[in-house]
Every structure is written in structure tokens, then in C-alpha cells.
Protein backbone atom coordinates (compact mmCIF):
# COMPACT_ATOMS: atom_id res chain seq x y z
CA MET A 1 0.01 -0.14 0.10
CA LEU A 2 1.27 3.59 -0.83
CA LYS A 3 0.63 6.84 0.97
CA GLY A 4 -1.26 9.43 -0.66
CA ILE A 5 -2.66 7.41 -3.53
CA ASP A 6 -6.44 6.80 -3.65
CA ALA A 7 -6.96 3.32 -3.26
CA ARG A 8 -9.03 2.90 -6.66
CA VAL A 9 -6.02 3.70 -8.46
CA THR A 10 -5.16 -0.02 -9.78
CA PRO A 11 -1.48 -1.14 -10.50
CA ASP A 12 -2.43 -1.33 -14.19
CA LEU A 13 -3.63 2.06 -14.26
CA MET A 14 -0.33 3.45 -12.37
CA ASP A 15 1.75 1.76 -14.66
CA LEU A 16 -0.09 2.78 -17.70
CA LEU A 17 0.19 6.54 -16.46
CA MET A 18 3.61 6.16 -15.17
CA ARG A 19 5.12 5.16 -18.85
CA MET A 20 3.16 8.24 -20.57
CA GLY A 21 4.96 11.34 -21.50
CA HIS A 22 3.79 14.72 -22.82
CA GLY A 23 1.47 14.71 -25.31
CA ASP A 24 0.50 11.05 -25.07
CA GLU A 25 -3.32 10.38 -25.01
CA ILE A 26 -5.28 8.03 -23.42
CA ALA A 27 -8.98 7.12 -24.37
CA VAL A 28 -11.33 6.69 -21.29
CA VAL A 29 -14.15 4.62 -22.32
CA ASP A 30 -17.63 3.80 -21.27
CA SER A 31 -19.22 -0.10 -21.22
CA ASN A 32 -20.18 -0.25 -24.71
CA PHE A 33 -16.99 0.83 -26.31
CA PRO A 34 -14.98 -1.87 -28.19
CA ALA A 35 -12.33 -1.53 -25.53
CA ALA A 36 -10.20 -4.60 -26.13
CA SER A 37 -9.93 -4.22 -30.02
CA THR A 38 -9.26 -0.54 -29.61
CA ALA A 39 -6.52 -1.10 -27.09
CA ALA A 40 -4.84 -3.75 -29.03
CA GLU A 41 -3.93 -0.96 -31.60
CA THR A 42 -2.48 1.53 -29.06
CA VAL A 43 1.13 2.29 -28.51
CA SER A 44 1.07 0.16 -25.30
CA GLY A 45 -1.65 -2.24 -26.34
CA ALA A 46 -2.96 -1.81 -22.69
CA LEU A 47 -6.44 -2.00 -21.67
CA VAL A 48 -7.03 -0.91 -18.01
CA ASP A 49 -10.25 -1.54 -16.34
CA LEU A 50 -11.69 0.74 -13.47
CA PRO A 51 -14.67 -1.35 -12.19
CA GLY A 52 -17.44 0.44 -10.15
CA LEU A 53 -16.45 3.97 -11.71
CA ASP A 54 -18.39 5.90 -14.12
CA ALA A 55 -17.16 8.06 -16.59
CA PRO A 56 -16.75 11.23 -14.35
CA GLU A 57 -15.42 9.43 -11.49
CA ALA A 58 -12.68 7.70 -13.61
CA LEU A 59 -11.61 11.13 -15.09
CA ALA A 60 -11.33 12.66 -11.57
CA LEU A 61 -9.58 9.77 -10.34
CA ILE A 62 -6.93 9.79 -13.43
CA CYS A 63 -6.55 13.50 -13.09
CA THR A 64 -5.37 13.25 -9.55
CA LEU A 65 -2.28 11.64 -11.03
CA MET A 66 -2.04 13.13 -14.66
CA PRO A 67 -1.90 16.59 -15.79
CA LEU A 68 -3.96 17.69 -18.48
CA ASP A 69 -2.12 19.48 -21.45
CA GLY A 70 -2.33 23.11 -21.96
CA PHE A 71 0.07 23.53 -24.95
CA THR A 72 -1.92 22.21 -27.81
CA ASP A 73 -5.54 22.53 -29.18
CA HIS A 74 -7.13 20.05 -26.89
CA ALA A 75 -6.29 19.02 -23.15
CA ALA A 76 -9.27 16.49 -23.41
CA LEU A 77 -12.07 15.51 -25.89
CA TRP A 78 -15.41 13.87 -25.61
CA MET A 79 -17.41 11.67 -27.85
CA GLN A 80 -20.34 13.55 -29.97
CA ARG A 81 -23.63 11.90 -30.03
CA ASP A 82 -24.38 11.02 -33.78
CA GLY A 83 -25.99 14.08 -35.24
CA ALA A 84 -25.74 16.20 -32.14
CA GLY A 85 -22.64 18.07 -32.85
CA ASP A 86 -21.36 19.84 -29.89
CA ALA A 87 -24.49 19.56 -27.77
CA PRO A 88 -23.30 17.69 -24.74
CA ASP A 89 -25.17 15.06 -23.41
CA PRO A 90 -25.92 14.53 -19.44
CA VAL A 91 -22.62 12.39 -19.37
CA HIS A 92 -20.33 15.08 -20.80
CA LYS A 93 -21.76 17.61 -18.54
CA ALA A 94 -20.92 15.87 -15.53
CA ALA A 95 -17.40 15.30 -16.85
CA LEU A 96 -17.05 18.88 -18.23
CA ALA A 97 -17.91 19.86 -14.37
CA VAL A 98 -14.95 17.51 -13.44
CA LEU A 99 -12.29 18.55 -16.03
CA THR A 100 -13.11 22.27 -16.40
CA PRO A 101 -11.82 23.49 -12.97
CA ILE A 102 -8.54 21.23 -13.35
CA LEU A 103 -7.61 22.42 -17.00
CA PRO A 104 -4.21 24.03 -16.85
CA GLU A 105 -3.63 27.75 -18.64
CA GLY A 106 -4.36 27.54 -22.15
CA GLY A 107 -5.98 24.06 -21.73
CA GLN A 108 -9.14 23.21 -23.95
CA ILE A 109 -11.94 20.60 -23.97
CA ARG A 110 -13.60 20.04 -27.31
CA SER A 111 -15.98 17.54 -28.79
CA ILE A 112 -15.17 14.97 -31.55
CA GLU A 113 -17.39 13.17 -34.00
CA ARG A 114 -17.93 9.66 -33.06
CA GLN A 115 -15.85 7.95 -35.83
CA ASP A 116 -13.23 10.35 -35.73
CA TYR A 117 -12.97 9.46 -32.00
CA TYR A 118 -12.49 5.74 -32.63
CA ALA A 119 -9.43 6.57 -35.07
CA GLN A 120 -8.06 9.08 -32.33
CA ALA A 121 -8.44 6.31 -29.62
CA ARG A 122 -6.45 3.81 -31.82
CA ARG A 123 -3.67 6.20 -32.09
CA GLY A 124 -3.55 6.78 -28.42
CA PHE A 125 -1.29 5.06 -25.82
CA GLY A 126 -3.75 3.08 -24.03
CA VAL A 127 -7.32 2.45 -22.89
CA VAL A 128 -9.09 2.94 -19.76
CA ARG A 129 -12.29 1.16 -19.51
CA CYS A 130 -14.98 2.14 -16.71
CA THR A 131 -18.43 0.88 -15.95
CA GLU A 132 -20.18 4.05 -17.34
CA THR A 133 -23.35 2.74 -18.81
CA ARG A 134 -24.50 6.17 -20.47
CA PRO A 135 -24.18 6.20 -24.17
CA TYR A 136 -21.28 7.90 -25.63
CA GLY A 137 -19.78 8.39 -22.36
CA CYS A 138 -16.12 8.34 -24.19
CA PHE A 139 -13.25 10.77 -23.49
CA ILE A 140 -9.65 11.29 -24.62
CA LEU A 141 -7.22 12.86 -22.12
CA ARG A 142 -3.86 14.38 -23.28
CA MET A 143 -0.87 14.21 -20.79
CA GLY A 144 0.56 17.63 -20.11
CA VAL A 145 3.65 18.51 -18.04
CA VAL A 146 4.34 18.96 -14.06
CA PHE A 147 6.14 21.98 -13.33
């Protein structure tokens, strides 16, 4: 047991985050997402499960350890509902309430079309699957730097 680290941080999550560097991205995905097949195409090939956490809880947990990027066009992305454009669903609003207060200076959160999300997730570092059941509860976090 380590001091000062939330007990919900699994060894696999810690390993994944510690291997990431500035600009690397992880997909935080819901229960419906094809997590295993997507993870197999990522840089690390890693699929990390966070059972019992919905998407906002998983994002909050991850961001206790991982700084978000403020030097690029996005620190985080959320998957758009088909045909809804930038109109956030309740799961997105809940996640934005978690992410917005912790954005670094210059950090931005944007939405991304569903098919583009799949492609971006496959190019990422790894995939973290939570037990979010609301549809489109999928996000991408970009690693920032610690000053």
C-alpha cells in the first residue's frame, strides 16, 4: 500500500500513467465501447479496467495523478452523439464539471465526431474502460507536464 494515492488507482492504471509522457493520450471509455480491440491497436496495447466507476469518477481519479496538456489544441476530448454536434449529453456535462476546473492555463476541452474518436483512440497510448453505462460516455485525455 502506498501513502497518498487513492486506493481505487489500480496497479495497471498506475503503470499505464507512469509510462506516458507529454502529449500522449489515453481513451477513457464506457461499457459499450470496443475497448479490447481498440486497446490492441494503441502504442502500449494496454487495456486497463476501472470497475465500479462511471466516466466522471474515472476522469477525476486519473486527473489526481495525470496533468492535462495546456500547450495544444485540446487537453481533453469528448465523443459526440451522432448528429448532435457540440451539444453535450448529461454524461458530458458531468465530465466537463470535473475537467473544467482542473484545466491548465491554455487548456481546452473539445468534442469530436464519433468515428473520428475511434480513430484518435486507436492512435493513443492506451485505453481505460470504466463501467459507465450512459451512451457516448467516452473521453480522451492528453498528458501535460508537471512544473
